[in-house]
N, C-alpha and C. Protein backbone atom coordinates (compact mmCIF):
# COMPACT_ATOMS: atom_id res chain seq x y z
N MET A 1 -165.12 207.20 228.30
CA MET A 1 -163.89 206.58 227.84
C MET A 1 -163.45 205.57 228.89
N GLY A 2 -162.97 204.45 228.44
CA GLY A 2 -162.57 203.38 229.35
C GLY A 2 -161.21 203.63 229.98
N LYS A 3 -160.89 202.75 230.90
CA LYS A 3 -159.60 202.87 231.59
C LYS A 3 -158.43 202.66 230.64
N LYS A 4 -158.63 201.78 229.66
CA LYS A 4 -157.54 201.47 228.73
C LYS A 4 -157.13 202.69 227.90
N GLY A 5 -158.12 203.46 227.42
CA GLY A 5 -157.82 204.66 226.63
C GLY A 5 -157.12 205.72 227.45
N LYS A 6 -157.53 205.87 228.70
CA LYS A 6 -156.91 206.86 229.58
C LYS A 6 -155.46 206.50 229.89
N ARG A 7 -155.22 205.21 230.13
CA ARG A 7 -153.85 204.76 230.41
C ARG A 7 -152.93 204.98 229.22
N SER A 8 -153.42 204.73 228.04
CA SER A 8 -152.56 204.87 226.86
C SER A 8 -152.18 206.33 226.64
N ARG A 9 -153.10 207.28 226.92
CA ARG A 9 -152.76 208.69 226.78
C ARG A 9 -151.73 209.11 227.82
N ILE A 10 -151.88 208.63 229.04
CA ILE A 10 -150.92 208.96 230.10
C ILE A 10 -149.55 208.35 229.76
N GLY A 11 -149.54 207.13 229.24
CA GLY A 11 -148.29 206.48 228.86
C GLY A 11 -147.56 207.23 227.76
N LYS A 12 -148.32 207.77 226.81
CA LYS A 12 -147.70 208.54 225.72
C LYS A 12 -147.04 209.80 226.25
N ARG A 13 -147.75 210.49 227.19
CA ARG A 13 -147.17 211.70 227.76
C ARG A 13 -145.89 211.40 228.54
N VAL A 14 -145.89 210.32 229.29
CA VAL A 14 -144.70 209.93 230.07
C VAL A 14 -143.54 209.61 229.14
N ARG A 15 -143.82 208.89 228.05
CA ARG A 15 -142.76 208.55 227.10
C ARG A 15 -142.21 209.81 226.42
N LYS A 16 -143.09 210.76 226.11
CA LYS A 16 -142.62 212.01 225.49
C LYS A 16 -141.71 212.77 226.44
N ARG A 17 -142.12 212.86 227.71
CA ARG A 17 -141.29 213.56 228.69
C ARG A 17 -139.96 212.86 228.89
N ARG A 18 -140.00 211.54 228.97
CA ARG A 18 -138.76 210.77 229.15
C ARG A 18 -137.81 211.01 227.98
N GLY A 19 -138.33 210.99 226.77
CA GLY A 19 -137.50 211.25 225.59
C GLY A 19 -136.91 212.64 225.61
N PHE A 20 -137.70 213.63 226.06
CA PHE A 20 -137.21 215.00 226.15
C PHE A 20 -136.05 215.08 227.13
N TRP A 21 -136.18 214.47 228.30
CA TRP A 21 -135.14 214.54 229.32
C TRP A 21 -133.89 213.77 228.91
N ILE A 22 -134.06 212.66 228.23
CA ILE A 22 -132.90 211.91 227.76
C ILE A 22 -132.14 212.73 226.72
N GLY A 23 -132.86 213.32 225.78
CA GLY A 23 -132.22 214.15 224.75
C GLY A 23 -131.52 215.35 225.35
N THR A 24 -132.18 216.01 226.31
CA THR A 24 -131.58 217.17 226.98
C THR A 24 -130.33 216.76 227.75
N SER A 25 -130.37 215.62 228.40
CA SER A 25 -129.21 215.14 229.16
C SER A 25 -128.03 214.84 228.24
N ILE A 26 -128.28 214.23 227.10
CA ILE A 26 -127.21 213.92 226.15
C ILE A 26 -126.58 215.20 225.63
N ILE A 27 -127.39 216.18 225.30
CA ILE A 27 -126.85 217.46 224.81
C ILE A 27 -126.01 218.12 225.90
N ALA A 28 -126.48 218.10 227.14
CA ALA A 28 -125.72 218.70 228.24
C ALA A 28 -124.39 218.00 228.46
N ILE A 29 -124.37 216.68 228.35
CA ILE A 29 -123.13 215.92 228.52
C ILE A 29 -122.14 216.25 227.40
N VAL A 30 -122.61 216.32 226.17
CA VAL A 30 -121.73 216.65 225.04
C VAL A 30 -121.13 218.04 225.21
N ILE A 31 -121.95 219.01 225.58
CA ILE A 31 -121.45 220.37 225.79
C ILE A 31 -120.44 220.39 226.94
N GLY A 32 -120.74 219.67 228.01
CA GLY A 32 -119.81 219.61 229.15
C GLY A 32 -118.48 218.99 228.78
N LEU A 33 -118.51 217.89 228.02
CA LEU A 33 -117.25 217.24 227.60
C LEU A 33 -116.45 218.15 226.67
N PHE A 34 -117.14 218.85 225.78
CA PHE A 34 -116.44 219.76 224.87
C PHE A 34 -115.77 220.88 225.66
N THR A 35 -116.49 221.45 226.61
CA THR A 35 -115.94 222.53 227.43
C THR A 35 -114.79 222.03 228.29
N TRP A 36 -114.95 220.85 228.89
CA TRP A 36 -113.89 220.28 229.71
C TRP A 36 -112.64 220.02 228.89
N GLY A 37 -112.80 219.53 227.67
CA GLY A 37 -111.65 219.26 226.80
C GLY A 37 -110.92 220.53 226.42
N ARG A 38 -111.65 221.62 226.22
CA ARG A 38 -111.02 222.89 225.85
C ARG A 38 -110.31 223.51 227.04
N VAL A 39 -110.86 223.39 228.22
CA VAL A 39 -110.29 224.01 229.41
C VAL A 39 -109.24 223.11 230.05
N GLY A 40 -109.48 221.81 230.09
CA GLY A 40 -108.61 220.88 230.81
C GLY A 40 -107.27 220.64 230.18
N THR A 41 -107.05 221.02 228.92
CA THR A 41 -105.77 220.74 228.26
C THR A 41 -104.84 221.94 228.26
N LYS A 42 -105.12 222.97 229.02
CA LYS A 42 -104.30 224.18 228.99
C LYS A 42 -103.06 224.10 229.86
N SER A 43 -103.04 223.24 230.87
CA SER A 43 -101.90 223.21 231.79
C SER A 43 -100.78 222.32 231.26
N SER A 44 -99.57 222.65 231.64
CA SER A 44 -98.42 221.82 231.26
C SER A 44 -97.68 221.42 232.53
N SER A 45 -96.96 220.32 232.47
CA SER A 45 -96.24 219.86 233.65
C SER A 45 -94.95 220.64 233.83
N SER A 46 -94.45 220.64 235.05
CA SER A 46 -93.28 221.46 235.37
C SER A 46 -91.98 220.86 234.84
N PHE A 47 -91.94 219.54 234.54
CA PHE A 47 -90.71 218.93 234.07
C PHE A 47 -90.56 218.98 232.55
N SER A 48 -91.53 219.51 231.85
CA SER A 48 -91.52 219.54 230.39
C SER A 48 -90.68 220.69 229.86
N GLN A 49 -90.15 220.51 228.68
CA GLN A 49 -89.35 221.53 228.02
C GLN A 49 -90.04 221.93 226.72
N PRO A 50 -90.08 223.23 226.38
CA PRO A 50 -90.69 223.64 225.11
C PRO A 50 -89.86 223.14 223.93
N VAL A 51 -90.52 222.81 222.84
CA VAL A 51 -89.84 222.33 221.65
C VAL A 51 -89.74 223.48 220.65
N PRO A 52 -88.52 223.81 220.19
CA PRO A 52 -88.39 224.89 219.22
C PRO A 52 -89.06 224.52 217.90
N GLY A 53 -89.77 225.46 217.32
CA GLY A 53 -90.42 225.25 216.04
C GLY A 53 -91.75 224.51 216.13
N ALA A 54 -92.16 224.10 217.33
CA ALA A 54 -93.44 223.40 217.50
C ALA A 54 -94.56 224.42 217.65
N PRO A 55 -95.80 223.99 217.46
CA PRO A 55 -96.92 224.93 217.62
C PRO A 55 -96.92 225.55 219.01
N SER A 56 -97.44 226.77 219.10
CA SER A 56 -97.43 227.46 220.39
C SER A 56 -98.25 226.68 221.41
N GLY A 57 -97.76 226.61 222.62
CA GLY A 57 -98.43 225.90 223.69
C GLY A 57 -98.04 224.44 223.79
N TYR A 58 -97.34 223.91 222.80
CA TYR A 58 -96.95 222.50 222.83
C TYR A 58 -95.65 222.36 223.62
N VAL A 59 -95.63 221.43 224.56
CA VAL A 59 -94.45 221.14 225.36
C VAL A 59 -94.18 219.65 225.23
N ARG A 60 -93.00 219.31 224.76
CA ARG A 60 -92.66 217.90 224.54
C ARG A 60 -92.42 217.20 225.86
N ARG A 61 -93.05 216.04 226.03
CA ARG A 61 -92.94 215.29 227.28
C ARG A 61 -91.83 214.25 227.22
N GLU A 62 -91.70 213.57 226.11
CA GLU A 62 -90.68 212.52 225.95
C GLU A 62 -89.45 213.15 225.34
N THR A 63 -88.33 213.14 226.06
CA THR A 63 -87.13 213.81 225.58
C THR A 63 -86.11 212.85 224.97
N ARG A 64 -86.31 211.55 225.14
CA ARG A 64 -85.37 210.58 224.58
C ARG A 64 -85.62 210.39 223.08
N ILE A 65 -84.62 209.90 222.37
CA ILE A 65 -84.68 209.71 220.91
C ILE A 65 -85.14 208.28 220.60
N PRO A 66 -86.03 208.11 219.61
CA PRO A 66 -86.46 206.75 219.24
C PRO A 66 -85.31 205.91 218.71
N LEU A 67 -85.44 204.58 218.80
CA LEU A 67 -84.42 203.68 218.27
C LEU A 67 -84.31 203.83 216.76
N SER A 68 -83.16 203.47 216.24
CA SER A 68 -82.92 203.54 214.80
C SER A 68 -83.72 202.45 214.08
N PRO A 69 -84.28 202.77 212.91
CA PRO A 69 -85.00 201.76 212.14
C PRO A 69 -84.08 200.68 211.59
N ALA A 70 -82.76 200.90 211.64
CA ALA A 70 -81.80 199.90 211.14
C ALA A 70 -81.80 198.63 211.98
N PHE A 71 -82.33 198.71 213.21
CA PHE A 71 -82.40 197.53 214.07
C PHE A 71 -83.54 196.60 213.69
N PHE A 72 -84.43 197.03 212.81
CA PHE A 72 -85.65 196.29 212.51
C PHE A 72 -85.79 196.05 211.01
N VAL A 73 -86.75 195.21 210.63
CA VAL A 73 -87.01 194.92 209.21
C VAL A 73 -88.50 195.08 208.93
N GLY A 74 -88.84 195.27 207.67
CA GLY A 74 -90.23 195.30 207.22
C GLY A 74 -91.01 196.49 207.75
N LYS A 75 -92.27 196.21 208.09
CA LYS A 75 -93.17 197.27 208.56
C LYS A 75 -92.70 197.86 209.89
N THR A 76 -92.03 197.07 210.68
CA THR A 76 -91.52 197.59 211.96
C THR A 76 -90.47 198.65 211.72
N ALA A 77 -89.59 198.44 210.74
CA ALA A 77 -88.56 199.44 210.41
C ALA A 77 -89.21 200.72 209.90
N ILE A 78 -90.28 200.58 209.12
CA ILE A 78 -90.99 201.76 208.61
C ILE A 78 -91.61 202.54 209.78
N ALA A 79 -92.19 201.82 210.74
CA ALA A 79 -92.80 202.48 211.90
C ALA A 79 -91.75 203.24 212.71
N TYR A 80 -90.58 202.64 212.91
CA TYR A 80 -89.52 203.32 213.64
C TYR A 80 -88.96 204.50 212.85
N GLN A 81 -88.96 204.42 211.51
CA GLN A 81 -88.54 205.55 210.70
C GLN A 81 -89.52 206.72 210.87
N VAL A 82 -90.81 206.41 210.89
CA VAL A 82 -91.83 207.45 211.11
C VAL A 82 -91.63 208.09 212.48
N ALA A 83 -91.34 207.27 213.48
CA ALA A 83 -91.11 207.81 214.83
C ALA A 83 -89.92 208.75 214.85
N ASN A 84 -88.90 208.46 214.04
CA ASN A 84 -87.74 209.35 213.96
C ASN A 84 -88.05 210.60 213.15
N ASP A 85 -88.96 210.49 212.18
CA ASP A 85 -89.29 211.63 211.32
C ASP A 85 -90.23 212.62 212.00
N ILE A 86 -91.23 212.13 212.73
CA ILE A 86 -92.23 213.01 213.34
C ILE A 86 -92.42 212.71 214.84
N PRO A 87 -91.36 212.86 215.63
CA PRO A 87 -91.50 212.55 217.06
C PRO A 87 -92.46 213.48 217.79
N ASP A 88 -92.58 214.73 217.35
CA ASP A 88 -93.48 215.66 218.02
C ASP A 88 -94.94 215.24 217.90
N VAL A 89 -95.30 214.64 216.78
CA VAL A 89 -96.67 214.18 216.60
C VAL A 89 -96.95 212.98 217.51
N LEU A 90 -96.03 212.01 217.52
CA LEU A 90 -96.22 210.83 218.36
C LEU A 90 -96.18 211.17 219.85
N ASP A 91 -95.47 212.25 220.19
CA ASP A 91 -95.39 212.68 221.58
C ASP A 91 -96.74 213.19 222.09
N GLN A 92 -97.62 213.59 221.19
CA GLN A 92 -98.92 214.11 221.57
C GLN A 92 -100.02 213.04 221.57
N LEU A 93 -99.69 211.80 221.18
CA LEU A 93 -100.68 210.73 221.06
C LEU A 93 -100.61 209.78 222.24
N TYR A 94 -101.78 209.33 222.69
CA TYR A 94 -101.88 208.37 223.78
C TYR A 94 -101.75 206.96 223.21
N CYS A 95 -101.02 206.10 223.90
CA CYS A 95 -100.89 204.70 223.50
C CYS A 95 -101.97 203.90 224.22
N TYR A 96 -102.75 203.16 223.47
CA TYR A 96 -103.90 202.45 224.04
C TYR A 96 -103.59 201.04 224.53
N CYS A 97 -102.34 200.67 224.65
CA CYS A 97 -102.03 199.34 225.19
C CYS A 97 -101.76 199.41 226.69
N TYR A 98 -101.96 200.56 227.28
CA TYR A 98 -101.81 200.77 228.72
C TYR A 98 -100.38 200.55 229.21
N CYS A 99 -99.41 200.80 228.33
CA CYS A 99 -98.02 200.68 228.74
C CYS A 99 -97.62 201.81 229.70
N ASP A 100 -98.45 202.85 229.79
CA ASP A 100 -98.16 203.90 230.76
C ASP A 100 -98.25 203.35 232.19
N LYS A 101 -99.11 202.38 232.40
CA LYS A 101 -99.26 201.79 233.73
C LYS A 101 -98.23 200.69 233.99
N SER A 102 -97.95 199.88 232.97
CA SER A 102 -97.06 198.74 233.20
C SER A 102 -95.58 199.06 232.93
N LEU A 103 -95.30 199.94 231.97
CA LEU A 103 -93.91 200.24 231.62
C LEU A 103 -93.48 201.67 231.96
N GLY A 104 -94.42 202.49 232.39
CA GLY A 104 -94.09 203.87 232.73
C GLY A 104 -93.95 204.79 231.53
N HIS A 105 -94.52 204.42 230.39
CA HIS A 105 -94.43 205.26 229.20
C HIS A 105 -95.30 206.50 229.35
N LEU A 106 -94.87 207.59 228.72
CA LEU A 106 -95.59 208.85 228.79
C LEU A 106 -96.63 208.99 227.69
N ASN A 107 -96.32 208.44 226.50
CA ASN A 107 -97.18 208.59 225.33
C ASN A 107 -96.74 207.58 224.27
N LEU A 108 -97.25 207.72 223.05
CA LEU A 108 -96.93 206.76 221.99
C LEU A 108 -95.45 206.82 221.61
N LEU A 109 -94.83 207.97 221.66
CA LEU A 109 -93.40 208.07 221.33
C LEU A 109 -92.55 207.24 222.28
N SER A 110 -92.95 207.12 223.53
CA SER A 110 -92.20 206.32 224.50
C SER A 110 -92.07 204.87 224.07
N CYS A 111 -93.05 204.36 223.34
CA CYS A 111 -93.01 202.97 222.88
C CYS A 111 -91.88 202.74 221.87
N PHE A 112 -91.48 203.80 221.19
CA PHE A 112 -90.41 203.70 220.19
C PHE A 112 -89.04 203.96 220.77
N ILE A 113 -88.96 204.31 222.06
CA ILE A 113 -87.68 204.53 222.73
C ILE A 113 -87.00 203.19 223.00
N ASP A 114 -87.83 202.19 223.31
CA ASP A 114 -87.32 200.84 223.51
C ASP A 114 -87.94 199.94 222.45
N GLY A 115 -87.82 198.67 222.56
CA GLY A 115 -88.34 197.75 221.56
C GLY A 115 -89.83 197.45 221.69
N HIS A 116 -90.52 198.15 222.57
CA HIS A 116 -91.93 197.88 222.83
C HIS A 116 -92.80 198.02 221.57
N ALA A 117 -92.54 199.01 220.73
CA ALA A 117 -93.37 199.23 219.54
C ALA A 117 -93.18 198.12 218.52
N ALA A 118 -92.10 197.36 218.60
CA ALA A 118 -91.87 196.26 217.65
C ALA A 118 -92.81 195.10 217.93
N THR A 119 -93.34 195.03 219.13
CA THR A 119 -94.25 193.94 219.47
C THR A 119 -95.67 194.41 219.45
């Protein structure tokens, strides 16, 4: 058998091993993230107050009340009405505009405390 045939067999074995290790690594990362998410969310901060009637273990972080929807019109007024109707849900959601770094907001509900959610 020539050198070319031998190299191709060795290359196939290397590719098979590489695929095995990549697959195993991905599975390990997914399991680790799942475990970290289950364990890492158990602690609560010392300044938080429990919310009556909320699911067990939930502690509300934002204690201020959202602005009234009467200050706004259209879809913005509807959004502020939702914030007034279900503040506990919005209190548990992260805002992806990074206002926590620039404005000091705690979560999505914080955006409805001031006029930030209108923009």
